[in-house]
Amino acid sequence: MDDLTTGAEKVAQSQPDGTKDYRPLGSGELADSWELGEFLEALGPVMRLPPKENEVSAAGSFVLGGTTRRRATILVMAAMAIVAGAAGAPPLMQAMRSSLPPPSGLHGKWTTPAERYAGRSFEVLETSLRLGVGGQEATYPIADVRRRDSSNAAIYTIRYRDGESTLEFALAIGPDSVAHIRNLPSVGWRKVQR
């Protein structure tokens, strides 16, 4: 014969005085092992499946519900926006990248009066960047230059090639025409007048 007790009654233990000891389900102390259905019945949830949005009519034709039609419209509009965006992406990306050749204001040799960096310099040419360290100079081809303006300086990032690697040389030039390299912000560099 089947046990017809409900889940709450299975949790209850009889005490010697005849009262029932009810324990919360979350304690994990269950009197007997339960089947999943019994456990859910003890919790008391009401589980119903949502109504179907799409129904098949008597003639066998597919009928879309209102929500599904709205979703389809949104998907079509999103696809159209993606296609339109992809067509305009290359010019937009080019404009956002702000890649330009080195401006004439950057051209020239830059040195610093700081004793610690005596004999060091950098020189920006039309198509290359020359870095000088202790009387030795190395020249690298410039891949591109990006400019970004801040409130008190023009910030340039010069991307140059060293073999197969592409490296960056970033500097900010303030209104006083003093350059500050990103890695050495406290050292000022001035262009050598020729």
C-alpha atoms as a PDB file:
ATOM      1  CA  MET A   1       0.000   0.000   0.000  1.00  0.00           C
ATOM      2  CA  ASP A   2       1.249   3.491  -0.864  1.00  0.00           C
ATOM      3  CA  ASP A   3       2.252   5.980   1.777  1.00  0.00           C
ATOM      4  CA  LEU A   4      -0.331   8.801   1.478  1.00  0.00           C
ATOM      5  CA  THR A   5       1.249  11.189   3.954  1.00  0.00           C
ATOM      6  CA  THR A   6       2.220  14.636   2.692  1.00  0.00           C
ATOM      7  CA  GLY A   7       5.733  15.994   2.747  1.00  0.00           C
ATOM      8  CA  ALA A   8       5.228  18.070   5.897  1.00  0.00           C
ATOM      9  CA  GLU A   9       3.984  15.008   7.784  1.00  0.00           C
ATOM     10  CA  LYS A  10       7.075  13.065   6.712  1.00  0.00           C
ATOM     11  CA  VAL A  11       9.287  15.766   8.226  1.00  0.00           C
ATOM     12  CA  ALA A  12       7.411  15.679  11.500  1.00  0.00           C
ATOM     13  CA  GLN A  13       8.839  13.283  14.067  1.00  0.00           C
ATOM     14  CA  SER A  14       6.716  11.969  16.889  1.00  0.00           C
ATOM     15  CA  GLN A  15       7.921  13.007  20.345  1.00  0.00           C
ATOM     16  CA  PRO A  16       7.501  10.778  23.381  1.00  0.00           C
ATOM     17  CA  ASP A  17       4.683  13.053  24.597  1.00  0.00           C
ATOM     18  CA  GLY A  18       2.780  12.588  21.295  1.00  0.00           C
ATOM     19  CA  THR A  19       3.505  16.047  19.822  1.00  0.00           C
ATOM     20  CA  LYS A  20       5.076  16.439  16.392  1.00  0.00           C
ATOM     21  CA  ASP A  21       8.554  17.988  15.948  1.00  0.00           C
ATOM     22  CA  TYR A  22       8.458  20.043  12.750  1.00  0.00           C
ATOM     23  CA  ARG A  23      11.833  20.903  11.188  1.00  0.00           C
ATOM     24  CA  PRO A  24      12.445  23.318   8.318  1.00  0.00           C
ATOM     25  CA  LEU A  25      13.096  21.730   4.942  1.00  0.00           C
ATOM     26  CA  GLY A  26      16.325  23.689   4.542  1.00  0.00           C
ATOM     27  CA  SER A  27      17.952  21.968   7.524  1.00  0.00           C
ATOM     28  CA  GLY A  28      18.641  18.853   5.471  1.00  0.00           C
ATOM     29  CA  GLU A  29      17.462  16.599   8.263  1.00  0.00           C
ATOM     30  CA  LEU A  30      14.745  14.625   6.572  1.00  0.00           C
ATOM     31  CA  ALA A  31      13.090  11.702   8.334  1.00  0.00           C
ATOM     32  CA  ASP A  32      12.876   9.593   5.169  1.00  0.00           C
ATOM     33  CA  SER A  33      14.233   9.871   1.688  1.00  0.00           C
ATOM     34  CA  TRP A  34      11.874  11.707  -0.643  1.00  0.00           C
ATOM     35  CA  GLU A  35      11.146  11.598  -4.300  1.00  0.00           C
ATOM     36  CA  LEU A  36      11.478  14.922  -6.135  1.00  0.00           C
ATOM     37  CA  GLY A  37       7.712  15.250  -6.493  1.00  0.00           C
ATOM     38  CA  GLU A  38       7.194  14.788  -2.767  1.00  0.00           C
ATOM     39  CA  PHE A  39       9.846  17.379  -1.966  1.00  0.00           C
ATOM     40  CA  LEU A  40       8.321  19.965  -4.322  1.00  0.00           C
ATOM     41  CA  GLU A  41       4.870  19.231  -2.890  1.00  0.00           C
ATOM     42  CA  ALA A  42       6.235  19.968   0.592  1.00  0.00           C
ATOM     43  CA  LEU A  43       7.661  23.270  -0.627  1.00  0.00           C
ATOM     44  CA  GLY A  44       4.318  24.142  -2.123  1.00  0.00           C
ATOM     45  CA  PRO A  45       5.317  25.749  -5.441  1.00  0.00           C
ATOM     46  CA  VAL A  46       2.765  26.060  -8.158  1.00  0.00           C
ATOM     47  CA  MET A  47       4.363  25.176 -11.449  1.00  0.00           C
ATOM     48  CA  ARG A  48       2.569  26.028 -14.656  1.00  0.00           C
ATOM     49  CA  LEU A  49       3.908  26.153 -18.164  1.00  0.00           C
ATOM     50  CA  PRO A  50       3.545  29.512 -19.908  1.00  0.00           C
ATOM     51  CA  PRO A  51       0.884  29.685 -22.608  1.00  0.00           C
ATOM     52  CA  LYS A  52       2.073  29.023 -26.112  1.00  0.00           C
ATOM     53  CA  GLU A  53       2.698  32.141 -28.175  1.00  0.00           C
ATOM     54  CA  ASN A  54       2.722  30.320 -31.476  1.00  0.00           C
ATOM     55  CA  GLU A  55      -0.216  28.179 -32.368  1.00  0.00           C
ATOM     56  CA  VAL A  56      -0.981  26.109 -35.389  1.00  0.00           C
ATOM     57  CA  SER A  57      -4.395  26.902 -36.835  1.00  0.00           C
ATOM     58  CA  ALA A  58      -6.837  24.238 -37.934  1.00  0.00           C
ATOM     59  CA  ALA A  59      -5.738  24.723 -41.555  1.00  0.00           C
ATOM     60  CA  GLY A  60      -2.137  24.003 -40.556  1.00  0.00           C
ATOM     61  CA  SER A  61      -0.838  27.528 -41.126  1.00  0.00           C
ATOM     62  CA  PHE A  62       1.552  29.018 -38.593  1.00  0.00           C
ATOM     63  CA  VAL A  63       0.115  31.960 -36.640  1.00  0.00           C
ATOM     64  CA  LEU A  64       2.521  34.351 -34.895  1.00  0.00           C
ATOM     65  CA  GLY A  65       1.590  35.785 -31.532  1.00  0.00           C
ATOM     66  CA  GLY A  66       1.978  39.529 -30.851  1.00  0.00           C
ATOM     67  CA  THR A  67       5.181  39.175 -28.827  1.00  0.00           C
ATOM     68  CA  THR A  68       6.887  37.037 -31.441  1.00  0.00           C
ATOM     69  CA  ARG A  69       5.960  39.506 -34.184  1.00  0.00           C
ATOM     70  CA  ARG A  70       7.550  42.344 -32.178  1.00  0.00           C
ATOM     71  CA  ARG A  71      10.704  40.310 -31.648  1.00  0.00           C
ATOM     72  CA  ALA A  72      10.920  39.534 -35.361  1.00  0.00           C
ATOM     73  CA  THR A  73      10.540  43.238 -36.193  1.00  0.00           C
ATOM     74  CA  ILE A  74      13.265  44.192 -33.720  1.00  0.00           C
ATOM     75  CA  LEU A  75      15.602  41.536 -35.125  1.00  0.00           C
ATOM     76  CA  VAL A  76      15.057  42.745 -38.702  1.00  0.00           C
ATOM     77  CA  MET A  77      15.679  46.355 -37.667  1.00  0.00           C
ATOM     78  CA  ALA A  78      18.851  45.364 -35.790  1.00  0.00           C
ATOM     79  CA  ALA A  79      20.134  43.436 -38.808  1.00  0.00           C
ATOM     80  CA  MET A  80      19.499  46.461 -41.045  1.00  0.00           C
ATOM     81  CA  ALA A  81      21.375  48.712 -38.608  1.00  0.00           C
ATOM     82  CA  ILE A  82      24.342  46.330 -38.548  1.00  0.00           C
ATOM     83  CA  VAL A  83      24.491  46.220 -42.353  1.00  0.00           C
ATOM     84  CA  ALA A  84      24.251  50.015 -42.582  1.00  0.00           C
ATOM     85  CA  GLY A  85      26.920  50.398 -39.881  1.00  0.00           C
ATOM     86  CA  ALA A  86      29.253  47.964 -41.618  1.00  0.00           C
ATOM     87  CA  ALA A  87      29.021  49.939 -44.845  1.00  0.00           C
ATOM     88  CA  GLY A  88      30.056  53.160 -43.080  1.00  0.00           C
ATOM     89  CA  ALA A  89      32.563  51.560 -40.711  1.00  0.00           C
ATOM     90  CA  PRO A  90      35.819  51.939 -42.704  1.00  0.00           C
ATOM     91  CA  PRO A  91      35.567  55.724 -43.154  1.00  0.00           C
ATOM     92  CA  LEU A  92      34.374  56.126 -39.581  1.00  0.00           C
ATOM     93  CA  MET A  93      37.168  53.973 -38.179  1.00  0.00           C
ATOM     94  CA  GLN A  94      39.708  55.886 -40.257  1.00  0.00           C
ATOM     95  CA  ALA A  95      38.407  59.191 -38.895  1.00  0.00           C
ATOM     96  CA  MET A  96      38.413  57.897 -35.309  1.00  0.00           C
ATOM     97  CA  ARG A  97      41.950  56.560 -35.582  1.00  0.00           C
ATOM     98  CA  SER A  98      43.339  60.028 -36.421  1.00  0.00           C
ATOM     99  CA  SER A  99      46.422  58.559 -38.067  1.00  0.00           C
ATOM    100  CA  LEU A 100      48.521  61.197 -39.715  1.00  0.00           C
ATOM    101  CA  PRO A 101      52.131  61.774 -40.736  1.00  0.00           C
ATOM    102  CA  PRO A 102      54.273  63.537 -38.146  1.00  0.00           C
ATOM    103  CA  PRO A 103      53.267  67.214 -38.119  1.00  0.00           C
ATOM    104  CA  SER A 104      55.954  69.743 -38.912  1.00  0.00           C
ATOM    105  CA  GLY A 105      55.864  70.983 -35.307  1.00  0.00           C
ATOM    106  CA  LEU A 106      57.282  67.629 -34.226  1.00  0.00           C
ATOM    107  CA  HIS A 107      60.013  67.523 -36.869  1.00  0.00           C
ATOM    108  CA  GLY A 108      63.490  68.130 -35.540  1.00  0.00           C
ATOM    109  CA  LYS A 109      65.927  66.982 -32.902  1.00  0.00           C
ATOM    110  CA  TRP A 110      64.857  67.161 -29.259  1.00  0.00           C
ATOM    111  CA  THR A 111      67.292  67.228 -26.305  1.00  0.00           C
ATOM    112  CA  THR A 112      67.090  67.891 -22.574  1.00  0.00           C
ATOM    113  CA  PRO A 113      69.330  69.983 -20.302  1.00  0.00           C
ATOM    114  CA  ALA A 114      68.998  67.360 -17.539  1.00  0.00           C
ATOM    115  CA  GLU A 115      72.489  66.040 -16.721  1.00  0.00           C
ATOM    116  CA  ARG A 116      71.241  62.508 -16.187  1.00  0.00           C
ATOM    117  CA  TYR A 117      70.139  62.356 -19.852  1.00  0.00           C
ATOM    118  CA  ALA A 118      73.177  64.049 -21.390  1.00  0.00           C
ATOM    119  CA  GLY A 119      73.918  62.606 -24.846  1.00  0.00           C
ATOM    120  CA  ARG A 120      70.354  61.358 -25.305  1.00  0.00           C
ATOM    121  CA  SER A 121      67.977  62.728 -27.881  1.00  0.00           C
ATOM    122  CA  PHE A 122      65.170  61.864 -30.223  1.00  0.00           C
ATOM    123  CA  GLU A 123      64.584  63.209 -33.692  1.00  0.00           C
ATOM    124  CA  VAL A 124      61.353  63.087 -35.633  1.00  0.00           C
ATOM    125  CA  LEU A 125      61.838  63.054 -39.398  1.00  0.00           C
ATOM    126  CA  GLU A 126      59.318  62.891 -42.247  1.00  0.00           C
ATOM    127  CA  THR A 127      59.105  59.071 -42.278  1.00  0.00           C
ATOM    128  CA  SER A 128      61.342  57.902 -39.420  1.00  0.00           C
ATOM    129  CA  LEU A 129      62.154  58.287 -35.743  1.00  0.00           C
ATOM    130  CA  ARG A 130      65.798  58.514 -34.681  1.00  0.00           C
ATOM    131  CA  LEU A 131      66.635  57.679 -31.064  1.00  0.00           C
ATOM    132  CA  GLY A 132      70.034  58.742 -29.763  1.00  0.00           C
ATOM    133  CA  VAL A 133      71.647  57.179 -26.694  1.00  0.00           C
ATOM    134  CA  GLY A 134      75.211  58.084 -25.682  1.00  0.00           C
ATOM    135  CA  GLY A 135      76.387  59.175 -29.110  1.00  0.00           C
ATOM    136  CA  GLN A 136      74.827  56.179 -30.891  1.00  0.00           C
ATOM    137  CA  GLU A 137      71.693  56.640 -32.959  1.00  0.00           C
ATOM    138  CA  ALA A 138      69.181  54.128 -34.253  1.00  0.00           C
ATOM    139  CA  THR A 139      66.623  54.996 -36.934  1.00  0.00           C
ATOM    140  CA  TYR A 140      63.213  53.342 -37.115  1.00  0.00           C
ATOM    141  CA  PRO A 141      60.486  53.716 -39.790  1.00  0.00           C
ATOM    142  CA  ILE A 142      57.307  55.399 -38.566  1.00  0.00           C
ATOM    143  CA  ALA A 143      54.128  53.356 -39.032  1.00  0.00           C
ATOM    144  CA  ASP A 144      51.750  56.144 -38.016  1.00  0.00           C
ATOM    145  CA  VAL A 145      51.219  59.050 -35.648  1.00  0.00           C
ATOM    146  CA  ARG A 146      48.125  59.650 -33.576  1.00  0.00           C
ATOM    147  CA  ARG A 147      47.243  62.946 -31.967  1.00  0.00           C
ATOM    148  CA  ARG A 148      44.931  63.553 -29.052  1.00  0.00           C
ATOM    149  CA  ASP A 149      44.359  66.956 -27.499  1.00  0.00           C
ATOM    150  CA  SER A 150      44.017  67.405 -23.759  1.00  0.00           C
ATOM    151  CA  SER A 151      43.247  70.603 -21.887  1.00  0.00           C
ATOM    152  CA  ASN A 152      46.866  71.756 -21.718  1.00  0.00           C
ATOM    153  CA  ALA A 153      48.862  69.682 -24.224  1.00  0.00           C
ATOM    154  CA  ALA A 154      48.855  67.925 -27.562  1.00  0.00           C
ATOM    155  CA  ILE A 155      49.534  64.235 -26.974  1.00  0.00           C
ATOM    156  CA  TYR A 156      51.258  62.347 -29.791  1.00  0.00           C
ATOM    157  CA  THR A 157      51.742  58.597 -30.048  1.00  0.00           C
ATOM    158  CA  ILE A 158      54.326  57.688 -32.675  1.00  0.00           C
ATOM    159  CA  ARG A 159      54.133  54.032 -33.667  1.00  0.00           C
ATOM    160  CA  TYR A 160      57.372  52.805 -35.221  1.00  0.00           C
ATOM    161  CA  ARG A 161      58.734  49.477 -36.409  1.00  0.00           C
ATOM    162  CA  ASP A 162      61.721  47.706 -34.892  1.00  0.00           C
ATOM    163  CA  GLY A 163      62.161  44.598 -37.016  1.00  0.00           C
ATOM    164  CA  GLU A 164      58.879  42.703 -36.853  1.00  0.00           C
ATOM    165  CA  SER A 165      57.684  44.525 -33.712  1.00  0.00           C
ATOM    166  CA  THR A 166      55.653  47.711 -33.632  1.00  0.00           C
ATOM    167  CA  LEU A 167      56.522  49.956 -30.687  1.00  0.00           C
ATOM    168  CA  GLU A 168      55.113  53.240 -29.391  1.00  0.00           C
ATOM    169  CA  PHE A 169      56.844  56.467 -28.468  1.00  0.00           C
ATOM    170  CA  ALA A 170      54.387  58.766 -26.677  1.00  0.00           C
ATOM    171  CA  LEU A 171      54.978  62.390 -25.788  1.00  0.00           C
ATOM    172  CA  ALA A 172      53.001  65.450 -24.815  1.00  0.00           C
ATOM    173  CA  ILE A 173      53.851  68.934 -26.023  1.00  0.00           C
ATOM    174  CA  GLY A 174      52.555  71.784 -23.882  1.00  0.00           C
ATOM    175  CA  PRO A 175      51.877  75.394 -24.867  1.00  0.00           C
ATOM    176  CA  ASP A 176      55.464  76.289 -23.871  1.00  0.00           C
ATOM    177  CA  SER A 177      56.784  73.937 -26.646  1.00  0.00           C
ATOM    178  CA  VAL A 178      58.358  71.609 -24.079  1.00  0.00           C
ATOM    179  CA  ALA A 179      57.908  67.896 -24.743  1.00  0.00           C
ATOM    180  CA  HIS A 180      57.432  65.340 -21.992  1.00  0.00           C
ATOM    181  CA  ILE A 181      57.923  61.660 -22.845  1.00  0.00           C
ATOM    182  CA  ARG A 182      55.332  59.342 -21.283  1.00  0.00           C
ATOM    183  CA  ASN A 183      57.995  57.224 -19.520  1.00  0.00           C
ATOM    184  CA  LEU A 184      59.827  60.336 -18.214  1.00  0.00           C
ATOM    185  CA  PRO A 185      57.107  62.872 -17.405  1.00  0.00           C
ATOM    186  CA  SER A 186      59.298  64.993 -15.118  1.00  0.00           C
ATOM    187  CA  VAL A 187      61.988  65.603 -17.784  1.00  0.00           C
ATOM    188  CA  GLY A 188      61.398  68.391 -20.308  1.00  0.00           C
ATOM    189  CA  TRP A 189      62.735  68.113 -23.865  1.00  0.00           C
ATOM    190  CA  ARG A 190      63.210  71.086 -26.188  1.00  0.00           C
ATOM    191  CA  LYS A 191      63.684  71.189 -29.932  1.00  0.00           C
ATOM    192  CA  VAL A 192      67.200  72.126 -31.051  1.00  0.00           C
ATOM    193  CA  GLN A 193      67.118  75.237 -33.232  1.00  0.00           C
ATOM    194  CA  ARG A 194      69.223  74.868 -36.385  1.00  0.00           C
END
